[in-house]
Amino acid sequence: MSTSSINQAGTDTENLSAPCCAPSATQNALNPEEAELLASRFKALSDPSRLRILSIVASNMNAETCVCDLPEPLGLKQPTVSHHLKILVDAGLLHREKRGVWAYYSIVPRTLESLQSTLVFTP
């Protein structure tokens, strides 16, 4: 006969004294700095216009896009595009190079692969 009983809260009193689950391995867990960096990058990508900008820049044959080429396909005004570009640069997703009066944007190498690898579960 089991010595287990259910208290008024519906809790199995036998299991209350049992040790908790074993701690999970944290060797692959993000440290606080990595989590902060990834959160800022994912936050930057949480806007549809910024995702489209990243897609346009990434798909450009020249591996870079002039700021002047973005407002029309996005259907946005230049100041709004510049705002989105600044967020992507600050998040470390795009690199900005000034040439004369224009700025050219390119994907920061290995950044997208880094984001992708955090989404892949490896047991």
C-alpha atoms as a PDB file:
ATOM      1  CA  MET A   1       0.000   0.000   0.000  1.00  0.00           C
ATOM      2  CA  SER A   2       1.346   3.410  -0.923  1.00  0.00           C
ATOM      3  CA  THR A   3       2.089   5.981   1.757  1.00  0.00           C
ATOM      4  CA  SER A   4       1.284   8.735  -0.696  1.00  0.00           C
ATOM      5  CA  SER A   5      -1.651  10.986   0.002  1.00  0.00           C
ATOM      6  CA  ILE A   6      -3.192  13.943  -1.711  1.00  0.00           C
ATOM      7  CA  ASN A   7      -3.530  17.115   0.388  1.00  0.00           C
ATOM      8  CA  GLN A   8      -6.288  19.705   0.040  1.00  0.00           C
ATOM      9  CA  ALA A   9      -4.339  21.579  -2.653  1.00  0.00           C
ATOM     10  CA  GLY A  10      -4.277  18.412  -4.749  1.00  0.00           C
ATOM     11  CA  THR A  11      -0.530  17.901  -4.272  1.00  0.00           C
ATOM     12  CA  ASP A  12       0.962  14.447  -3.907  1.00  0.00           C
ATOM     13  CA  THR A  13       2.619  14.669  -0.463  1.00  0.00           C
ATOM     14  CA  GLU A  14       4.961  11.724  -1.134  1.00  0.00           C
ATOM     15  CA  ASN A  15       6.637  13.663  -3.954  1.00  0.00           C
ATOM     16  CA  LEU A  16       7.071  16.825  -1.873  1.00  0.00           C
ATOM     17  CA  SER A  17      10.050  15.331  -0.087  1.00  0.00           C
ATOM     18  CA  ALA A  18      11.552  13.893  -3.268  1.00  0.00           C
ATOM     19  CA  PRO A  19      14.477  15.858  -4.706  1.00  0.00           C
ATOM     20  CA  CYS A  20      13.771  18.182  -7.580  1.00  0.00           C
ATOM     21  CA  CYS A  21      14.777  17.357 -11.126  1.00  0.00           C
ATOM     22  CA  ALA A  22      18.474  17.208 -11.788  1.00  0.00           C
ATOM     23  CA  PRO A  23      19.822  20.529 -13.089  1.00  0.00           C
ATOM     24  CA  SER A  24      20.111  20.644 -16.849  1.00  0.00           C
ATOM     25  CA  ALA A  25      23.479  20.991 -18.477  1.00  0.00           C
ATOM     26  CA  THR A  26      24.268  24.640 -19.143  1.00  0.00           C
ATOM     27  CA  GLN A  27      27.345  24.177 -21.280  1.00  0.00           C
ATOM     28  CA  ASN A  28      25.509  25.318 -24.422  1.00  0.00           C
ATOM     29  CA  ALA A  29      23.380  27.941 -22.691  1.00  0.00           C
ATOM     30  CA  LEU A  30      23.860  31.583 -23.590  1.00  0.00           C
ATOM     31  CA  ASN A  31      25.749  33.766 -21.176  1.00  0.00           C
ATOM     32  CA  PRO A  32      24.136  37.129 -20.289  1.00  0.00           C
ATOM     33  CA  GLU A  33      26.235  39.109 -22.788  1.00  0.00           C
ATOM     34  CA  GLU A  34      25.424  36.737 -25.658  1.00  0.00           C
ATOM     35  CA  ALA A  35      21.738  36.833 -24.764  1.00  0.00           C
ATOM     36  CA  GLU A  36      21.760  40.646 -24.739  1.00  0.00           C
ATOM     37  CA  LEU A  37      23.457  40.820 -28.147  1.00  0.00           C
ATOM     38  CA  LEU A  38      21.103  38.276 -29.694  1.00  0.00           C
ATOM     39  CA  ALA A  39      18.053  39.982 -28.215  1.00  0.00           C
ATOM     40  CA  SER A  40      19.098  43.313 -29.747  1.00  0.00           C
ATOM     41  CA  ARG A  41      19.604  41.666 -33.136  1.00  0.00           C
ATOM     42  CA  PHE A  42      16.297  39.831 -33.068  1.00  0.00           C
ATOM     43  CA  LYS A  43      14.584  43.007 -31.894  1.00  0.00           C
ATOM     44  CA  ALA A  44      16.066  44.847 -34.877  1.00  0.00           C
ATOM     45  CA  LEU A  45      14.645  42.137 -37.136  1.00  0.00           C
ATOM     46  CA  SER A  46      11.188  42.300 -35.579  1.00  0.00           C
ATOM     47  CA  ASP A  47      10.038  45.000 -38.003  1.00  0.00           C
ATOM     48  CA  PRO A  48       8.796  43.979 -41.484  1.00  0.00           C
ATOM     49  CA  SER A  49      10.505  46.949 -43.181  1.00  0.00           C
ATOM     50  CA  ARG A  50      13.850  46.046 -41.610  1.00  0.00           C
ATOM     51  CA  LEU A  51      13.454  42.435 -42.690  1.00  0.00           C
ATOM     52  CA  ARG A  52      12.791  43.648 -46.216  1.00  0.00           C
ATOM     53  CA  ILE A  53      15.834  45.930 -46.111  1.00  0.00           C
ATOM     54  CA  LEU A  54      18.008  43.046 -44.974  1.00  0.00           C
ATOM     55  CA  SER A  55      16.566  40.876 -47.743  1.00  0.00           C
ATOM     56  CA  ILE A  56      17.198  43.531 -50.403  1.00  0.00           C
ATOM     57  CA  VAL A  57      20.789  44.074 -49.287  1.00  0.00           C
ATOM     58  CA  ALA A  58      21.499  40.337 -48.958  1.00  0.00           C
ATOM     59  CA  SER A  59      20.105  39.552 -52.405  1.00  0.00           C
ATOM     60  CA  ASN A  60      21.987  42.326 -54.221  1.00  0.00           C
ATOM     61  CA  MET A  61      24.485  40.923 -56.739  1.00  0.00           C
ATOM     62  CA  ASN A  62      27.088  43.504 -55.673  1.00  0.00           C
ATOM     63  CA  ALA A  63      26.790  42.439 -52.018  1.00  0.00           C
ATOM     64  CA  GLU A  64      25.915  46.033 -51.146  1.00  0.00           C
ATOM     65  CA  THR A  65      23.058  48.465 -51.669  1.00  0.00           C
ATOM     66  CA  CYS A  66      23.027  52.247 -51.878  1.00  0.00           C
ATOM     67  CA  VAL A  67      20.621  53.990 -49.545  1.00  0.00           C
ATOM     68  CA  CYS A  68      19.175  55.747 -52.616  1.00  0.00           C
ATOM     69  CA  ASP A  69      17.952  52.382 -53.950  1.00  0.00           C
ATOM     70  CA  LEU A  70      15.789  51.496 -50.928  1.00  0.00           C
ATOM     71  CA  PRO A  71      12.886  53.989 -50.586  1.00  0.00           C
ATOM     72  CA  GLU A  72      11.116  53.028 -53.816  1.00  0.00           C
ATOM     73  CA  PRO A  73      10.917  49.223 -53.334  1.00  0.00           C
ATOM     74  CA  LEU A  74      10.016  49.695 -49.664  1.00  0.00           C
ATOM     75  CA  GLY A  75       7.418  52.383 -50.340  1.00  0.00           C
ATOM     76  CA  LEU A  76       8.936  54.497 -47.558  1.00  0.00           C
ATOM     77  CA  LYS A  77      10.331  58.018 -47.339  1.00  0.00           C
ATOM     78  CA  GLN A  78      14.113  58.500 -47.140  1.00  0.00           C
ATOM     79  CA  PRO A  79      14.144  59.559 -43.437  1.00  0.00           C
ATOM     80  CA  THR A  80      12.194  56.425 -42.469  1.00  0.00           C
ATOM     81  CA  VAL A  81      14.558  54.198 -44.446  1.00  0.00           C
ATOM     82  CA  SER A  82      17.547  55.895 -42.790  1.00  0.00           C
ATOM     83  CA  HIS A  83      15.997  55.275 -39.376  1.00  0.00           C
ATOM     84  CA  HIS A  84      15.587  51.559 -40.110  1.00  0.00           C
ATOM     85  CA  LEU A  85      19.113  51.333 -41.517  1.00  0.00           C
ATOM     86  CA  LYS A  86      20.552  52.921 -38.365  1.00  0.00           C
ATOM     87  CA  ILE A  87      18.823  50.296 -36.219  1.00  0.00           C
ATOM     88  CA  LEU A  88      20.222  47.491 -38.387  1.00  0.00           C
ATOM     89  CA  VAL A  89      23.729  48.988 -38.254  1.00  0.00           C
ATOM     90  CA  ASP A  90      23.538  49.520 -34.475  1.00  0.00           C
ATOM     91  CA  ALA A  91      22.450  45.881 -34.052  1.00  0.00           C
ATOM     92  CA  GLY A  92      25.519  44.739 -35.980  1.00  0.00           C
ATOM     93  CA  LEU A  93      23.580  43.305 -38.917  1.00  0.00           C
ATOM     94  CA  LEU A  94      24.611  45.806 -41.588  1.00  0.00           C
ATOM     95  CA  HIS A  95      27.851  47.613 -42.322  1.00  0.00           C
ATOM     96  CA  ARG A  96      27.676  51.226 -43.549  1.00  0.00           C
ATOM     97  CA  GLU A  97      30.246  52.771 -45.887  1.00  0.00           C
ATOM     98  CA  LYS A  98      29.982  56.441 -46.819  1.00  0.00           C
ATOM     99  CA  ARG A  99      31.000  57.357 -50.390  1.00  0.00           C
ATOM    100  CA  GLY A 100      30.530  61.008 -51.234  1.00  0.00           C
ATOM    101  CA  VAL A 101      26.948  61.937 -50.439  1.00  0.00           C
ATOM    102  CA  TRP A 102      25.664  58.341 -50.474  1.00  0.00           C
ATOM    103  CA  ALA A 103      25.923  55.531 -47.963  1.00  0.00           C
ATOM    104  CA  TYR A 104      26.274  51.912 -49.065  1.00  0.00           C
ATOM    105  CA  TYR A 105      25.136  49.030 -46.898  1.00  0.00           C
ATOM    106  CA  SER A 106      26.315  45.444 -46.796  1.00  0.00           C
ATOM    107  CA  ILE A 107      25.620  42.444 -44.584  1.00  0.00           C
ATOM    108  CA  VAL A 108      28.107  41.996 -41.745  1.00  0.00           C
ATOM    109  CA  PRO A 109      29.852  38.671 -42.503  1.00  0.00           C
ATOM    110  CA  ARG A 110      28.713  35.623 -40.504  1.00  0.00           C
ATOM    111  CA  THR A 111      26.083  37.596 -38.561  1.00  0.00           C
ATOM    112  CA  LEU A 112      23.089  35.933 -40.196  1.00  0.00           C
ATOM    113  CA  GLU A 113      24.686  32.500 -39.797  1.00  0.00           C
ATOM    114  CA  SER A 114      25.226  33.280 -36.121  1.00  0.00           C
ATOM    115  CA  LEU A 115      21.544  34.135 -35.685  1.00  0.00           C
ATOM    116  CA  GLN A 116      20.533  30.997 -37.542  1.00  0.00           C
ATOM    117  CA  SER A 117      22.726  28.791 -35.373  1.00  0.00           C
ATOM    118  CA  THR A 118      21.006  30.029 -32.206  1.00  0.00           C
ATOM    119  CA  LEU A 119      17.683  28.837 -33.599  1.00  0.00           C
ATOM    120  CA  VAL A 120      18.902  25.320 -34.390  1.00  0.00           C
ATOM    121  CA  PHE A 121      18.374  22.828 -31.602  1.00  0.00           C
ATOM    122  CA  THR A 122      21.266  20.437 -31.083  1.00  0.00           C
ATOM    123  CA  PRO A 123      20.712  17.825 -28.372  1.00  0.00           C
END
